[in-house]
Amino acid sequence: MSSRPTIAIVGASTNRKKFGNKAVRAYKNAGYDVYPINLKEGEIEGLKTYASLDAVPLQRLDMISLYVPPAIVLEILDQVARKESGEVWLNPGTATKDVVAKAETLGLNAVQACSILAVGEQPDRL
Protein backbone atom coordinates (compact mmCIF):
# COMPACT_ATOMS: atom_id res chain seq x y z
CA MET A 1 0.00 0.00 0.00
CA SER A 2 1.30 3.44 -0.94
CA SER A 3 2.05 6.10 1.64
CA ARG A 4 1.55 8.85 -0.91
CA PRO A 5 -1.42 11.19 -0.57
CA THR A 6 -4.51 10.24 -2.57
CA ILE A 7 -6.93 12.27 -4.65
CA ALA A 8 -9.90 11.46 -6.86
CA ILE A 9 -10.61 13.94 -9.62
CA VAL A 10 -14.28 13.84 -10.62
CA GLY A 11 -14.68 15.15 -14.15
CA ALA A 12 -11.19 14.13 -15.24
CA SER A 13 -10.76 14.64 -18.96
CA THR A 14 -8.53 13.49 -21.81
CA ASN A 15 -8.67 17.06 -23.18
CA ARG A 16 -5.46 18.69 -21.95
CA LYS A 17 -7.06 22.16 -22.14
CA LYS A 18 -9.74 21.27 -19.57
CA PHE A 19 -9.20 21.81 -15.86
CA GLY A 20 -10.20 18.20 -15.19
CA ASN A 21 -7.10 17.13 -17.12
CA LYS A 22 -4.85 19.85 -15.73
CA ALA A 23 -5.75 18.71 -12.20
CA VAL A 24 -4.80 15.11 -13.02
CA ARG A 25 -1.41 16.27 -14.28
CA ALA A 26 -0.83 18.70 -11.41
CA TYR A 27 -1.48 16.11 -8.72
CA LYS A 28 0.36 13.35 -10.57
CA ASN A 29 3.39 15.67 -10.87
CA ALA A 30 3.12 16.48 -7.15
CA GLY A 31 3.45 12.79 -6.23
CA TYR A 32 -0.17 11.95 -5.41
CA ASP A 33 -1.87 8.68 -6.21
CA VAL A 34 -4.49 10.05 -8.60
CA TYR A 35 -7.82 8.35 -9.30
CA PRO A 36 -9.49 9.97 -12.35
CA ILE A 37 -13.28 9.67 -12.44
CA ASN A 38 -14.72 9.59 -15.96
CA LEU A 39 -17.66 7.59 -17.29
CA LYS A 40 -16.44 7.28 -20.88
CA GLU A 41 -12.66 7.00 -20.87
CA GLY A 42 -10.58 4.00 -19.82
CA GLU A 43 -7.36 5.91 -19.22
CA ILE A 44 -6.34 9.53 -18.67
CA GLU A 45 -2.70 10.63 -18.62
CA GLY A 46 -1.62 7.00 -18.28
CA LEU A 47 -3.88 6.37 -15.29
CA LYS A 48 -6.79 3.93 -15.12
CA THR A 49 -10.11 5.73 -14.82
CA TYR A 50 -13.08 4.84 -12.65
CA ALA A 51 -16.75 5.28 -13.54
CA SER A 52 -17.64 6.60 -10.07
CA LEU A 53 -16.17 7.34 -6.67
CA ASP A 54 -17.75 4.13 -5.42
CA ALA A 55 -15.57 2.21 -7.92
CA VAL A 56 -12.30 3.59 -6.50
CA PRO A 57 -10.67 0.72 -4.56
CA LEU A 58 -10.03 2.78 -1.41
CA GLN A 59 -12.38 3.44 1.49
CA ARG A 60 -10.79 6.81 2.20
CA LEU A 61 -9.12 9.47 0.05
CA ASP A 62 -7.15 12.45 1.26
CA MET A 63 -8.89 14.69 -1.26
CA ILE A 64 -11.70 14.68 -3.78
CA SER A 65 -11.64 17.43 -6.38
CA LEU A 66 -14.81 18.16 -8.36
CA TYR A 67 -14.78 19.47 -11.94
CA VAL A 68 -18.39 18.84 -12.93
CA PRO A 69 -21.48 21.10 -13.10
CA PRO A 70 -23.39 21.82 -9.89
CA ALA A 71 -26.32 19.56 -10.88
CA ILE A 72 -23.93 16.60 -11.09
CA VAL A 73 -22.21 17.61 -7.86
CA LEU A 74 -25.58 17.45 -6.10
CA GLU A 75 -26.16 13.96 -7.52
CA ILE A 76 -22.81 12.59 -6.34
CA LEU A 77 -22.36 14.23 -2.93
CA ASP A 78 -23.68 11.09 -1.23
CA GLN A 79 -20.89 9.10 -2.95
CA VAL A 80 -18.41 11.74 -1.82
CA ALA A 81 -19.60 11.33 1.78
CA ARG A 82 -19.31 7.51 1.58
CA LYS A 83 -15.67 7.82 0.47
CA GLU A 84 -14.59 9.50 3.73
CA SER A 85 -12.27 12.13 2.28
CA GLY A 86 -10.28 14.66 4.26
CA GLU A 87 -11.23 17.50 1.90
CA VAL A 88 -13.69 17.99 -0.91
CA TRP A 89 -12.69 20.71 -3.34
CA LEU A 90 -15.50 22.60 -5.00
CA ASN A 91 -13.61 24.16 -7.88
CA PRO A 92 -14.83 27.38 -9.52
CA GLY A 93 -18.16 26.77 -11.24
CA THR A 94 -19.15 23.76 -9.13
CA ALA A 95 -20.58 25.39 -6.02
CA THR A 96 -24.08 26.77 -5.64
CA LYS A 97 -26.04 27.49 -2.46
CA ASP A 98 -27.68 24.07 -2.80
CA VAL A 99 -24.32 22.30 -3.26
CA VAL A 100 -22.77 24.04 -0.26
CA ALA A 101 -25.85 23.39 1.91
CA LYS A 102 -25.89 19.67 1.04
CA ALA A 103 -22.13 19.37 1.63
CA GLU A 104 -22.59 20.95 5.06
CA THR A 105 -25.54 18.66 5.85
CA LEU A 106 -23.38 15.64 4.97
CA GLY A 107 -20.59 16.91 7.21
CA LEU A 108 -18.09 17.29 4.38
CA ASN A 109 -14.99 19.43 4.73
CA ALA A 110 -15.74 21.41 1.56
CA VAL A 111 -13.18 23.88 0.25
CA GLN A 112 -14.39 26.40 -2.32
CA ALA A 113 -11.25 27.15 -4.31
CA CYS A 114 -9.13 25.89 -7.20
CA SER A 115 -7.46 22.63 -6.21
CA ILE A 116 -4.77 23.07 -8.87
CA LEU A 117 -3.55 26.22 -7.12
CA ALA A 118 -3.60 24.34 -3.82
CA VAL A 119 -0.91 21.95 -5.04
CA GLY A 120 1.29 24.87 -6.14
CA GLU A 121 0.58 24.77 -9.88
CA GLN A 122 -0.78 27.47 -12.16
CA PRO A 123 -3.49 26.08 -14.48
CA ASP A 124 -2.32 28.22 -17.40
CA ARG A 125 1.13 26.61 -17.22
CA LEU A 126 -0.19 23.07 -17.53
C-alpha atoms as a PDB file:
ATOM      1  CA  MET A   1       0.000   0.000   0.000  1.00  0.00           C
ATOM      2  CA  SER A   2       1.304   3.437  -0.937  1.00  0.00           C
ATOM      3  CA  SER A   3       2.049   6.100   1.644  1.00  0.00           C
ATOM      4  CA  ARG A   4       1.550   8.853  -0.913  1.00  0.00           C
ATOM      5  CA  PRO A   5      -1.423  11.190  -0.574  1.00  0.00           C
ATOM      6  CA  THR A   6      -4.513  10.239  -2.571  1.00  0.00           C
ATOM      7  CA  ILE A   7      -6.928  12.267  -4.654  1.00  0.00           C
ATOM      8  CA  ALA A   8      -9.901  11.459  -6.860  1.00  0.00           C
ATOM      9  CA  ILE A   9     -10.612  13.938  -9.625  1.00  0.00           C
ATOM     10  CA  VAL A  10     -14.275  13.835 -10.621  1.00  0.00           C
ATOM     11  CA  GLY A  11     -14.681  15.148 -14.146  1.00  0.00           C
ATOM     12  CA  ALA A  12     -11.191  14.134 -15.236  1.00  0.00           C
ATOM     13  CA  SER A  13     -10.756  14.641 -18.960  1.00  0.00           C
ATOM     14  CA  THR A  14      -8.532  13.492 -21.806  1.00  0.00           C
ATOM     15  CA  ASN A  15      -8.673  17.060 -23.184  1.00  0.00           C
ATOM     16  CA  ARG A  16      -5.457  18.690 -21.948  1.00  0.00           C
ATOM     17  CA  LYS A  17      -7.064  22.156 -22.143  1.00  0.00           C
ATOM     18  CA  LYS A  18      -9.738  21.274 -19.569  1.00  0.00           C
ATOM     19  CA  PHE A  19      -9.200  21.811 -15.862  1.00  0.00           C
ATOM     20  CA  GLY A  20     -10.205  18.199 -15.192  1.00  0.00           C
ATOM     21  CA  ASN A  21      -7.100  17.129 -17.117  1.00  0.00           C
ATOM     22  CA  LYS A  22      -4.852  19.846 -15.727  1.00  0.00           C
ATOM     23  CA  ALA A  23      -5.750  18.714 -12.200  1.00  0.00           C
ATOM     24  CA  VAL A  24      -4.805  15.110 -13.023  1.00  0.00           C
ATOM     25  CA  ARG A  25      -1.410  16.268 -14.283  1.00  0.00           C
ATOM     26  CA  ALA A  26      -0.834  18.704 -11.411  1.00  0.00           C
ATOM     27  CA  TYR A  27      -1.479  16.108  -8.717  1.00  0.00           C
ATOM     28  CA  LYS A  28       0.359  13.348 -10.572  1.00  0.00           C
ATOM     29  CA  ASN A  29       3.390  15.673 -10.871  1.00  0.00           C
ATOM     30  CA  ALA A  30       3.124  16.480  -7.149  1.00  0.00           C
ATOM     31  CA  GLY A  31       3.446  12.789  -6.233  1.00  0.00           C
ATOM     32  CA  TYR A  32      -0.171  11.954  -5.409  1.00  0.00           C
ATOM     33  CA  ASP A  33      -1.871   8.675  -6.207  1.00  0.00           C
ATOM     34  CA  VAL A  34      -4.489  10.047  -8.605  1.00  0.00           C
ATOM     35  CA  TYR A  35      -7.825   8.350  -9.296  1.00  0.00           C
ATOM     36  CA  PRO A  36      -9.486   9.974 -12.348  1.00  0.00           C
ATOM     37  CA  ILE A  37     -13.275   9.668 -12.441  1.00  0.00           C
ATOM     38  CA  ASN A  38     -14.723   9.589 -15.959  1.00  0.00           C
ATOM     39  CA  LEU A  39     -17.659   7.588 -17.292  1.00  0.00           C
ATOM     40  CA  LYS A  40     -16.443   7.277 -20.879  1.00  0.00           C
ATOM     41  CA  GLU A  41     -12.660   6.997 -20.871  1.00  0.00           C
ATOM     42  CA  GLY A  42     -10.583   4.003 -19.823  1.00  0.00           C
ATOM     43  CA  GLU A  43      -7.358   5.910 -19.224  1.00  0.00           C
ATOM     44  CA  ILE A  44      -6.338   9.525 -18.671  1.00  0.00           C
ATOM     45  CA  GLU A  45      -2.701  10.632 -18.623  1.00  0.00           C
ATOM     46  CA  GLY A  46      -1.623   7.004 -18.281  1.00  0.00           C
ATOM     47  CA  LEU A  47      -3.882   6.368 -15.289  1.00  0.00           C
ATOM     48  CA  LYS A  48      -6.790   3.930 -15.125  1.00  0.00           C
ATOM     49  CA  THR A  49     -10.113   5.732 -14.821  1.00  0.00           C
ATOM     50  CA  TYR A  50     -13.079   4.839 -12.652  1.00  0.00           C
ATOM     51  CA  ALA A  51     -16.751   5.284 -13.544  1.00  0.00           C
ATOM     52  CA  SER A  52     -17.637   6.599 -10.069  1.00  0.00           C
ATOM     53  CA  LEU A  53     -16.173   7.341  -6.673  1.00  0.00           C
ATOM     54  CA  ASP A  54     -17.750   4.125  -5.417  1.00  0.00           C
ATOM     55  CA  ALA A  55     -15.569   2.215  -7.916  1.00  0.00           C
ATOM     56  CA  VAL A  56     -12.301   3.595  -6.501  1.00  0.00           C
ATOM     57  CA  PRO A  57     -10.670   0.723  -4.563  1.00  0.00           C
ATOM     58  CA  LEU A  58     -10.029   2.779  -1.410  1.00  0.00           C
ATOM     59  CA  GLN A  59     -12.381   3.440   1.493  1.00  0.00           C
ATOM     60  CA  ARG A  60     -10.791   6.812   2.205  1.00  0.00           C
ATOM     61  CA  LEU A  61      -9.123   9.470   0.053  1.00  0.00           C
ATOM     62  CA  ASP A  62      -7.154  12.453   1.259  1.00  0.00           C
ATOM     63  CA  MET A  63      -8.888  14.686  -1.265  1.00  0.00           C
ATOM     64  CA  ILE A  64     -11.703  14.677  -3.782  1.00  0.00           C
ATOM     65  CA  SER A  65     -11.644  17.426  -6.376  1.00  0.00           C
ATOM     66  CA  LEU A  66     -14.808  18.157  -8.357  1.00  0.00           C
ATOM     67  CA  TYR A  67     -14.779  19.470 -11.945  1.00  0.00           C
ATOM     68  CA  VAL A  68     -18.388  18.839 -12.925  1.00  0.00           C
ATOM     69  CA  PRO A  69     -21.477  21.100 -13.104  1.00  0.00           C
ATOM     70  CA  PRO A  70     -23.395  21.823  -9.886  1.00  0.00           C
ATOM     71  CA  ALA A  71     -26.322  19.558 -10.876  1.00  0.00           C
ATOM     72  CA  ILE A  72     -23.931  16.596 -11.090  1.00  0.00           C
ATOM     73  CA  VAL A  73     -22.205  17.610  -7.855  1.00  0.00           C
ATOM     74  CA  LEU A  74     -25.583  17.454  -6.099  1.00  0.00           C
ATOM     75  CA  GLU A  75     -26.163  13.956  -7.519  1.00  0.00           C
ATOM     76  CA  ILE A  76     -22.811  12.588  -6.336  1.00  0.00           C
ATOM     77  CA  LEU A  77     -22.357  14.228  -2.929  1.00  0.00           C
ATOM     78  CA  ASP A  78     -23.680  11.089  -1.234  1.00  0.00           C
ATOM     79  CA  GLN A  79     -20.893   9.096  -2.950  1.00  0.00           C
ATOM     80  CA  VAL A  80     -18.414  11.737  -1.816  1.00  0.00           C
ATOM     81  CA  ALA A  81     -19.602  11.329   1.778  1.00  0.00           C
ATOM     82  CA  ARG A  82     -19.306   7.514   1.578  1.00  0.00           C
ATOM     83  CA  LYS A  83     -15.672   7.818   0.468  1.00  0.00           C
ATOM     84  CA  GLU A  84     -14.592   9.503   3.732  1.00  0.00           C
ATOM     85  CA  SER A  85     -12.270  12.133   2.282  1.00  0.00           C
ATOM     86  CA  GLY A  86     -10.285  14.655   4.259  1.00  0.00           C
ATOM     87  CA  GLU A  87     -11.228  17.496   1.903  1.00  0.00           C
ATOM     88  CA  VAL A  88     -13.691  17.993  -0.913  1.00  0.00           C
ATOM     89  CA  TRP A  89     -12.685  20.706  -3.341  1.00  0.00           C
ATOM     90  CA  LEU A  90     -15.504  22.597  -5.005  1.00  0.00           C
ATOM     91  CA  ASN A  91     -13.609  24.157  -7.878  1.00  0.00           C
ATOM     92  CA  PRO A  92     -14.830  27.382  -9.519  1.00  0.00           C
ATOM     93  CA  GLY A  93     -18.162  26.766 -11.238  1.00  0.00           C
ATOM     94  CA  THR A  94     -19.148  23.755  -9.131  1.00  0.00           C
ATOM     95  CA  ALA A  95     -20.580  25.386  -6.015  1.00  0.00           C
ATOM     96  CA  THR A  96     -24.079  26.774  -5.643  1.00  0.00           C
ATOM     97  CA  LYS A  97     -26.038  27.492  -2.460  1.00  0.00           C
ATOM     98  CA  ASP A  98     -27.678  24.068  -2.797  1.00  0.00           C
ATOM     99  CA  VAL A  99     -24.323  22.303  -3.257  1.00  0.00           C
ATOM    100  CA  VAL A 100     -22.775  24.042  -0.259  1.00  0.00           C
ATOM    101  CA  ALA A 101     -25.847  23.385   1.905  1.00  0.00           C
ATOM    102  CA  LYS A 102     -25.886  19.673   1.045  1.00  0.00           C
ATOM    103  CA  ALA A 103     -22.125  19.375   1.627  1.00  0.00           C
ATOM    104  CA  GLU A 104     -22.587  20.947   5.065  1.00  0.00           C
ATOM    105  CA  THR A 105     -25.542  18.662   5.854  1.00  0.00           C
ATOM    106  CA  LEU A 106     -23.381  15.639   4.966  1.00  0.00           C
ATOM    107  CA  GLY A 107     -20.592  16.914   7.212  1.00  0.00           C
ATOM    108  CA  LEU A 108     -18.090  17.294   4.378  1.00  0.00           C
ATOM    109  CA  ASN A 109     -14.989  19.430   4.728  1.00  0.00           C
ATOM    110  CA  ALA A 110     -15.741  21.414   1.561  1.00  0.00           C
ATOM    111  CA  VAL A 111     -13.176  23.881   0.251  1.00  0.00           C
ATOM    112  CA  GLN A 112     -14.392  26.402  -2.317  1.00  0.00           C
ATOM    113  CA  ALA A 113     -11.247  27.146  -4.309  1.00  0.00           C
ATOM    114  CA  CYS A 114      -9.130  25.886  -7.200  1.00  0.00           C
ATOM    115  CA  SER A 115      -7.458  22.627  -6.207  1.00  0.00           C
ATOM    116  CA  ILE A 116      -4.772  23.074  -8.873  1.00  0.00           C
ATOM    117  CA  LEU A 117      -3.546  26.221  -7.124  1.00  0.00           C
ATOM    118  CA  ALA A 118      -3.598  24.335  -3.815  1.00  0.00           C
ATOM    119  CA  VAL A 119      -0.908  21.948  -5.044  1.00  0.00           C
ATOM    120  CA  GLY A 120       1.286  24.869  -6.145  1.00  0.00           C
ATOM    121  CA  GLU A 121       0.582  24.775  -9.877  1.00  0.00           C
ATOM    122  CA  GLN A 122      -0.779  27.467 -12.160  1.00  0.00           C
ATOM    123  CA  PRO A 123      -3.491  26.085 -14.476  1.00  0.00           C
ATOM    124  CA  ASP A 124      -2.319  28.224 -17.395  1.00  0.00           C
ATOM    125  CA  ARG A 125       1.135  26.607 -17.217  1.00  0.00           C
ATOM    126  CA  LEU A 126      -0.190  23.066 -17.534  1.00  0.00           C
END
